[in-house]
Amino acid sequence: MSANALQKAVVAHLGSDPDVIAIIGAGRIFDRLISRAEPPYLVLGEMTTRDFSSGDEDASEHRFQIEAWSKQNGRKQAVELAAAVRAALHDAALSLEGAVLINLRHERTVSRRAPKTGLHLAQLRFRAVTEP
């Protein structure tokens, strides 16, 4: 499925991006929120996939979120991490296993403080189109 291939490519790309790693360090990208993990880190959020076929061409549209979590320097660090993620992924030419990435675009970033934890969070939303 192209959604899994897209997620795998995104994680690999972010995990090798020097600007992202400079903020979070190695091995700090998770597919779920881990309560014991010390920020800063990235969490893969919600992903929705829908048919985006036209005529004779099969395609899928994926909308997905990446969460940038921070404790030190509050919102500033969360926003800096979000900016590094955006720079790494917006219009990136990722290689997908079993699919082709047509485009990858940043749609928006929203930052806030998580009330229960006091941590700061920047949520990035991306849109990608893939073909089999």
N, C-alpha and C. Protein backbone atom coordinates (compact mmCIF):
# COMPACT_ATOMS: atom_id res chain seq x y z
N MET A 1 0.85 -1.19 0.00
CA MET A 1 0.00 0.00 0.00
C MET A 1 0.89 1.25 0.00
N SER A 2 0.53 2.22 -0.80
CA SER A 2 1.37 3.40 -0.95
C SER A 2 1.44 4.25 0.32
N ALA A 3 0.43 4.18 1.18
CA ALA A 3 0.47 4.95 2.43
C ALA A 3 1.61 4.48 3.32
N ASN A 4 1.80 3.17 3.42
CA ASN A 4 2.90 2.64 4.23
C ASN A 4 4.25 2.99 3.62
N ALA A 5 4.34 2.90 2.29
CA ALA A 5 5.59 3.26 1.62
C ALA A 5 5.90 4.74 1.81
N LEU A 6 4.89 5.58 1.77
CA LEU A 6 5.07 7.01 1.99
C LEU A 6 5.56 7.28 3.41
N GLN A 7 4.93 6.65 4.39
CA GLN A 7 5.34 6.85 5.78
C GLN A 7 6.78 6.40 5.99
N LYS A 8 7.14 5.26 5.43
CA LYS A 8 8.50 4.75 5.57
C LYS A 8 9.51 5.72 4.96
N ALA A 9 9.20 6.26 3.79
CA ALA A 9 10.10 7.20 3.12
C ALA A 9 10.21 8.52 3.90
N VAL A 10 9.11 8.99 4.45
CA VAL A 10 9.11 10.22 5.24
C VAL A 10 10.00 10.05 6.47
N VAL A 11 9.83 8.95 7.18
CA VAL A 11 10.64 8.70 8.38
C VAL A 11 12.12 8.60 8.03
N ALA A 12 12.44 7.89 6.96
CA ALA A 12 13.84 7.76 6.55
C ALA A 12 14.43 9.12 6.17
N HIS A 13 13.66 9.91 5.45
CA HIS A 13 14.14 11.22 5.01
C HIS A 13 14.37 12.15 6.21
N LEU A 14 13.40 12.20 7.11
CA LEU A 14 13.56 13.06 8.30
C LEU A 14 14.68 12.55 9.19
N GLY A 15 14.82 11.24 9.30
CA GLY A 15 15.86 10.64 10.14
C GLY A 15 17.27 10.86 9.63
N SER A 16 17.38 11.31 8.38
CA SER A 16 18.70 11.59 7.82
C SER A 16 18.91 13.08 7.53
N ASP A 17 17.93 13.89 7.87
CA ASP A 17 18.05 15.33 7.60
C ASP A 17 18.88 15.99 8.71
N PRO A 18 19.98 16.65 8.35
CA PRO A 18 20.86 17.22 9.38
C PRO A 18 20.20 18.30 10.24
N ASP A 19 19.31 19.09 9.67
CA ASP A 19 18.67 20.15 10.46
C ASP A 19 17.68 19.58 11.47
N VAL A 20 16.97 18.53 11.06
CA VAL A 20 16.04 17.86 11.99
C VAL A 20 16.82 17.16 13.10
N ILE A 21 17.85 16.41 12.72
CA ILE A 21 18.66 15.66 13.69
C ILE A 21 19.39 16.60 14.65
N ALA A 22 19.77 17.78 14.19
CA ALA A 22 20.44 18.74 15.07
C ALA A 22 19.53 19.17 16.23
N ILE A 23 18.23 19.12 16.02
CA ILE A 23 17.28 19.52 17.07
C ILE A 23 16.86 18.34 17.93
N ILE A 24 16.54 17.19 17.30
CA ILE A 24 15.98 16.08 18.08
C ILE A 24 16.98 14.97 18.38
N GLY A 25 18.06 14.87 17.62
CA GLY A 25 18.98 13.76 17.78
C GLY A 25 18.50 12.55 16.99
N ALA A 26 19.29 11.51 16.98
CA ALA A 26 18.97 10.31 16.21
C ALA A 26 17.94 9.45 16.94
N GLY A 27 17.10 8.77 16.17
CA GLY A 27 16.15 7.81 16.74
C GLY A 27 15.02 8.45 17.53
N ARG A 28 14.61 9.64 17.15
CA ARG A 28 13.60 10.38 17.93
C ARG A 28 12.35 10.65 17.10
N ILE A 29 12.03 9.74 16.17
CA ILE A 29 10.82 9.84 15.36
C ILE A 29 9.98 8.61 15.69
N PHE A 30 8.78 8.83 16.23
CA PHE A 30 7.94 7.74 16.72
C PHE A 30 6.63 7.68 15.94
N ASP A 31 6.04 6.48 15.88
CA ASP A 31 4.74 6.36 15.21
C ASP A 31 3.58 6.45 16.20
N ARG A 32 3.91 6.71 17.46
CA ARG A 32 2.88 6.96 18.48
C ARG A 32 3.51 7.78 19.59
N LEU A 33 2.70 8.45 20.35
CA LEU A 33 3.19 9.26 21.47
C LEU A 33 3.68 8.33 22.57
N ILE A 34 4.92 8.52 22.99
CA ILE A 34 5.51 7.69 24.03
C ILE A 34 5.68 8.57 25.27
N SER A 35 4.95 8.24 26.31
CA SER A 35 4.92 9.11 27.49
C SER A 35 6.26 9.20 28.20
N ARG A 36 7.11 8.19 28.07
CA ARG A 36 8.41 8.21 28.76
C ARG A 36 9.48 8.95 27.97
N ALA A 37 9.22 9.24 26.71
CA ALA A 37 10.22 9.91 25.87
C ALA A 37 10.38 11.37 26.31
N GLU A 38 11.61 11.80 26.37
CA GLU A 38 11.91 13.19 26.73
C GLU A 38 11.98 14.03 25.45
N PRO A 39 11.19 15.10 25.37
CA PRO A 39 11.22 15.97 24.19
C PRO A 39 12.59 16.63 24.05
N PRO A 40 12.95 17.05 22.87
CA PRO A 40 12.14 17.14 21.65
C PRO A 40 12.14 15.83 20.86
N TYR A 41 11.04 15.61 20.13
CA TYR A 41 10.90 14.45 19.25
C TYR A 41 9.77 14.71 18.27
N LEU A 42 9.67 13.83 17.28
CA LEU A 42 8.59 13.89 16.30
C LEU A 42 7.69 12.67 16.46
N VAL A 43 6.40 12.87 16.24
CA VAL A 43 5.43 11.78 16.27
C VAL A 43 4.63 11.82 14.97
N LEU A 44 4.50 10.67 14.34
CA LEU A 44 3.65 10.58 13.16
C LEU A 44 2.20 10.59 13.62
N GLY A 45 1.44 11.52 13.09
CA GLY A 45 0.04 11.66 13.48
C GLY A 45 -0.89 10.98 12.50
N GLU A 46 -2.08 11.49 12.44
CA GLU A 46 -3.14 10.94 11.60
C GLU A 46 -2.78 10.98 10.12
N MET A 47 -3.17 9.92 9.41
CA MET A 47 -3.03 9.90 7.95
C MET A 47 -4.34 9.42 7.36
N THR A 48 -4.84 10.16 6.39
CA THR A 48 -6.02 9.73 5.64
C THR A 48 -5.61 9.57 4.18
N THR A 49 -6.13 8.52 3.57
CA THR A 49 -5.83 8.23 2.17
C THR A 49 -7.14 8.06 1.43
N ARG A 50 -7.20 8.65 0.24
CA ARG A 50 -8.41 8.49 -0.58
C ARG A 50 -8.02 8.30 -2.03
N ASP A 51 -8.95 7.70 -2.76
CA ASP A 51 -8.73 7.49 -4.18
C ASP A 51 -8.65 8.84 -4.89
N PHE A 52 -7.66 8.99 -5.74
CA PHE A 52 -7.44 10.24 -6.46
C PHE A 52 -7.24 9.94 -7.94
N SER A 53 -7.82 8.81 -8.37
CA SER A 53 -7.65 8.37 -9.76
C SER A 53 -8.39 9.30 -10.71
N SER A 54 -7.85 9.39 -11.93
CA SER A 54 -8.50 10.19 -12.96
C SER A 54 -8.33 9.47 -14.29
N GLY A 55 -9.43 9.24 -14.96
CA GLY A 55 -9.36 8.57 -16.26
C GLY A 55 -8.73 7.20 -16.15
N ASP A 56 -7.62 7.02 -16.85
CA ASP A 56 -6.93 5.73 -16.86
C ASP A 56 -5.83 5.63 -15.82
N GLU A 57 -5.57 6.68 -15.09
CA GLU A 57 -4.46 6.71 -14.13
C GLU A 57 -4.96 6.47 -12.70
N ASP A 58 -4.41 5.46 -12.05
CA ASP A 58 -4.70 5.22 -10.63
C ASP A 58 -3.81 6.13 -9.79
N ALA A 59 -4.37 6.68 -8.74
CA ALA A 59 -3.60 7.55 -7.85
C ALA A 59 -4.26 7.56 -6.48
N SER A 60 -3.48 7.94 -5.48
CA SER A 60 -3.99 8.09 -4.12
C SER A 60 -3.55 9.44 -3.59
N GLU A 61 -4.44 10.07 -2.84
CA GLU A 61 -4.11 11.32 -2.15
C GLU A 61 -4.00 11.01 -0.66
N HIS A 62 -2.91 11.46 -0.06
CA HIS A 62 -2.65 11.22 1.35
C HIS A 62 -2.54 12.57 2.06
N ARG A 63 -3.25 12.70 3.15
CA ARG A 63 -3.07 13.87 4.01
C ARG A 63 -2.59 13.31 5.34
N PHE A 64 -1.46 13.85 5.83
CA PHE A 64 -0.90 13.31 7.07
C PHE A 64 -0.33 14.42 7.93
N GLN A 65 -0.26 14.10 9.22
CA GLN A 65 0.27 15.05 10.20
C GLN A 65 1.57 14.52 10.80
N ILE A 66 2.43 15.44 11.12
CA ILE A 66 3.62 15.17 11.90
C ILE A 66 3.60 16.14 13.06
N GLU A 67 3.79 15.61 14.26
CA GLU A 67 3.76 16.43 15.47
C GLU A 67 5.19 16.65 15.97
N ALA A 68 5.52 17.91 16.18
CA ALA A 68 6.82 18.29 16.74
C ALA A 68 6.60 18.66 18.21
N TRP A 69 7.15 17.87 19.13
CA TRP A 69 6.96 18.06 20.56
C TRP A 69 8.22 18.67 21.18
N SER A 70 8.02 19.61 22.11
CA SER A 70 9.13 20.30 22.73
C SER A 70 8.83 20.61 24.18
N LYS A 71 9.87 20.64 24.98
CA LYS A 71 9.76 21.05 26.37
C LYS A 71 10.67 22.25 26.62
N GLN A 72 11.94 22.11 26.27
CA GLN A 72 12.88 23.21 26.44
C GLN A 72 12.55 24.32 25.47
N ASN A 73 12.70 25.53 25.92
CA ASN A 73 12.46 26.71 25.09
C ASN A 73 11.04 26.75 24.53
N GLY A 74 10.15 25.94 25.08
CA GLY A 74 8.73 26.00 24.76
C GLY A 74 8.39 26.04 23.30
N ARG A 75 7.52 26.98 22.98
CA ARG A 75 7.00 27.12 21.62
C ARG A 75 8.11 27.39 20.61
N LYS A 76 9.13 28.13 21.02
CA LYS A 76 10.22 28.47 20.10
C LYS A 76 10.86 27.20 19.50
N GLN A 77 11.19 26.25 20.35
CA GLN A 77 11.83 25.03 19.86
C GLN A 77 10.86 24.20 19.01
N ALA A 78 9.60 24.13 19.41
CA ALA A 78 8.61 23.37 18.64
C ALA A 78 8.45 23.97 17.24
N VAL A 79 8.43 25.29 17.16
CA VAL A 79 8.28 25.97 15.87
C VAL A 79 9.55 25.82 15.03
N GLU A 80 10.72 25.88 15.66
CA GLU A 80 11.98 25.66 14.93
C GLU A 80 12.05 24.24 14.38
N LEU A 81 11.62 23.27 15.17
CA LEU A 81 11.60 21.88 14.71
C LEU A 81 10.60 21.72 13.56
N ALA A 82 9.44 22.35 13.69
CA ALA A 82 8.44 22.29 12.62
C ALA A 82 9.00 22.90 11.33
N ALA A 83 9.72 24.00 11.45
CA ALA A 83 10.31 24.63 10.27
C ALA A 83 11.34 23.71 9.60
N ALA A 84 12.11 22.99 10.40
CA ALA A 84 13.09 22.05 9.84
C ALA A 84 12.38 20.90 9.13
N VAL A 85 11.30 20.41 9.70
CA VAL A 85 10.52 19.33 9.08
C VAL A 85 9.92 19.82 7.77
N ARG A 86 9.35 21.01 7.78
CA ARG A 86 8.76 21.57 6.57
C ARG A 86 9.81 21.71 5.47
N ALA A 87 10.95 22.26 5.83
CA ALA A 87 12.02 22.43 4.83
C ALA A 87 12.48 21.09 4.27
N ALA A 88 12.51 20.07 5.10
CA ALA A 88 12.96 18.75 4.65
C ALA A 88 11.95 18.06 3.74
N LEU A 89 10.66 18.27 3.98
CA LEU A 89 9.65 17.50 3.26
C LEU A 89 8.94 18.25 2.13
N HIS A 90 8.77 19.55 2.23
CA HIS A 90 8.01 20.29 1.22
C HIS A 90 8.69 20.16 -0.14
N ASP A 91 7.97 19.62 -1.10
CA ASP A 91 8.48 19.39 -2.45
C ASP A 91 9.65 18.40 -2.51
N ALA A 92 9.81 17.58 -1.48
CA ALA A 92 10.88 16.57 -1.48
C ALA A 92 10.59 15.51 -2.53
N ALA A 93 11.63 15.01 -3.15
CA ALA A 93 11.53 13.95 -4.16
C ALA A 93 11.89 12.63 -3.49
N LEU A 94 10.95 12.06 -2.77
CA LEU A 94 11.19 10.82 -2.03
C LEU A 94 11.00 9.61 -2.93
N SER A 95 11.82 8.60 -2.72
CA SER A 95 11.65 7.32 -3.42
C SER A 95 10.78 6.41 -2.56
N LEU A 96 9.71 5.90 -3.17
CA LEU A 96 8.80 5.01 -2.45
C LEU A 96 8.93 3.60 -3.00
N GLU A 97 8.85 2.65 -2.10
CA GLU A 97 8.89 1.25 -2.51
C GLU A 97 7.52 0.85 -3.06
N GLY A 98 7.47 0.49 -4.33
CA GLY A 98 6.23 0.03 -4.94
C GLY A 98 5.26 1.12 -5.36
N ALA A 99 5.68 2.37 -5.31
CA ALA A 99 4.82 3.49 -5.71
C ALA A 99 5.69 4.65 -6.16
N VAL A 100 5.06 5.63 -6.77
CA VAL A 100 5.76 6.83 -7.23
C VAL A 100 5.13 8.04 -6.56
N LEU A 101 5.97 8.88 -5.97
CA LEU A 101 5.49 10.11 -5.36
C LEU A 101 5.37 11.18 -6.44
N ILE A 102 4.17 11.68 -6.64
CA ILE A 102 3.93 12.72 -7.64
C ILE A 102 4.23 14.09 -7.06
N ASN A 103 3.73 14.35 -5.88
CA ASN A 103 4.08 15.60 -5.19
C ASN A 103 3.88 15.46 -3.69
N LEU A 104 4.54 16.33 -2.96
CA LEU A 104 4.47 16.37 -1.50
C LEU A 104 4.52 17.83 -1.10
N ARG A 105 3.46 18.31 -0.48
CA ARG A 105 3.35 19.73 -0.16
C ARG A 105 2.93 19.94 1.29
N HIS A 106 3.53 20.92 1.92
CA HIS A 106 3.11 21.36 3.25
C HIS A 106 1.84 22.18 3.10
N GLU A 107 0.85 21.91 3.94
CA GLU A 107 -0.40 22.67 3.89
C GLU A 107 -0.50 23.70 5.00
N ARG A 108 -0.14 23.30 6.22
CA ARG A 108 -0.25 24.26 7.33
C ARG A 108 0.48 23.73 8.55
N THR A 109 0.79 24.65 9.45
CA THR A 109 1.36 24.31 10.75
C THR A 109 0.57 25.07 11.82
N VAL A 110 0.20 24.37 12.87
CA VAL A 110 -0.50 24.98 14.00
C VAL A 110 0.30 24.65 15.25
N SER A 111 0.61 25.67 16.06
CA SER A 111 1.34 25.40 17.30
C SER A 111 0.47 25.75 18.49
N ARG A 112 0.68 24.99 19.57
CA ARG A 112 -0.10 25.21 20.79
C ARG A 112 0.60 24.55 21.96
N ARG A 113 0.09 24.80 23.13
CA ARG A 113 0.58 24.13 24.33
C ARG A 113 -0.41 23.03 24.68
N ALA A 114 0.09 21.84 24.95
CA ALA A 114 -0.77 20.72 25.33
C ALA A 114 -1.14 20.88 26.80
N PRO A 115 -2.41 21.08 27.10
CA PRO A 115 -2.81 21.43 28.47
C PRO A 115 -2.46 20.39 29.54
N LYS A 116 -2.57 19.11 29.25
CA LYS A 116 -2.34 18.09 30.28
C LYS A 116 -0.87 17.91 30.61
N THR A 117 0.00 18.08 29.62
CA THR A 117 1.43 17.84 29.83
C THR A 117 2.24 19.11 30.02
N GLY A 118 1.73 20.23 29.51
CA GLY A 118 2.50 21.47 29.54
C GLY A 118 3.55 21.54 28.45
N LEU A 119 3.65 20.49 27.64
CA LEU A 119 4.60 20.48 26.52
C LEU A 119 4.06 21.35 25.39
N HIS A 120 4.96 21.79 24.55
CA HIS A 120 4.56 22.56 23.38
C HIS A 120 4.56 21.64 22.17
N LEU A 121 3.63 21.91 21.27
CA LEU A 121 3.37 21.04 20.13
C LEU A 121 3.15 21.89 18.89
N ALA A 122 3.81 21.53 17.82
CA ALA A 122 3.53 22.12 16.51
C ALA A 122 3.07 20.98 15.61
N GLN A 123 1.87 21.09 15.06
CA GLN A 123 1.32 20.06 14.19
C GLN A 123 1.43 20.53 12.74
N LEU A 124 2.14 19.75 11.95
CA LEU A 124 2.30 20.04 10.53
C LEU A 124 1.38 19.13 9.73
N ARG A 125 0.76 19.69 8.72
CA ARG A 125 -0.09 18.88 7.85
C ARG A 125 0.48 18.94 6.43
N PHE A 126 0.58 17.75 5.82
CA PHE A 126 1.11 17.62 4.48
C PHE A 126 0.09 16.91 3.59
N ARG A 127 0.22 17.16 2.28
CA ARG A 127 -0.59 16.46 1.28
C ARG A 127 0.37 15.85 0.26
N ALA A 128 0.15 14.58 -0.02
CA ALA A 128 0.97 13.87 -1.01
C ALA A 128 0.05 13.14 -1.99
N VAL A 129 0.51 13.05 -3.21
CA VAL A 129 -0.18 12.26 -4.22
C VAL A 129 0.78 11.19 -4.71
N THR A 130 0.31 9.95 -4.75
CA THR A 130 1.13 8.83 -5.20
C THR A 130 0.41 8.07 -6.32
N GLU A 131 1.20 7.42 -7.14
CA GLU A 131 0.67 6.50 -8.14
C GLU A 131 1.32 5.14 -7.91
N PRO A 132 0.56 4.07 -8.22
CA PRO A 132 1.13 2.74 -8.00
C PRO A 132 2.33 2.46 -8.91
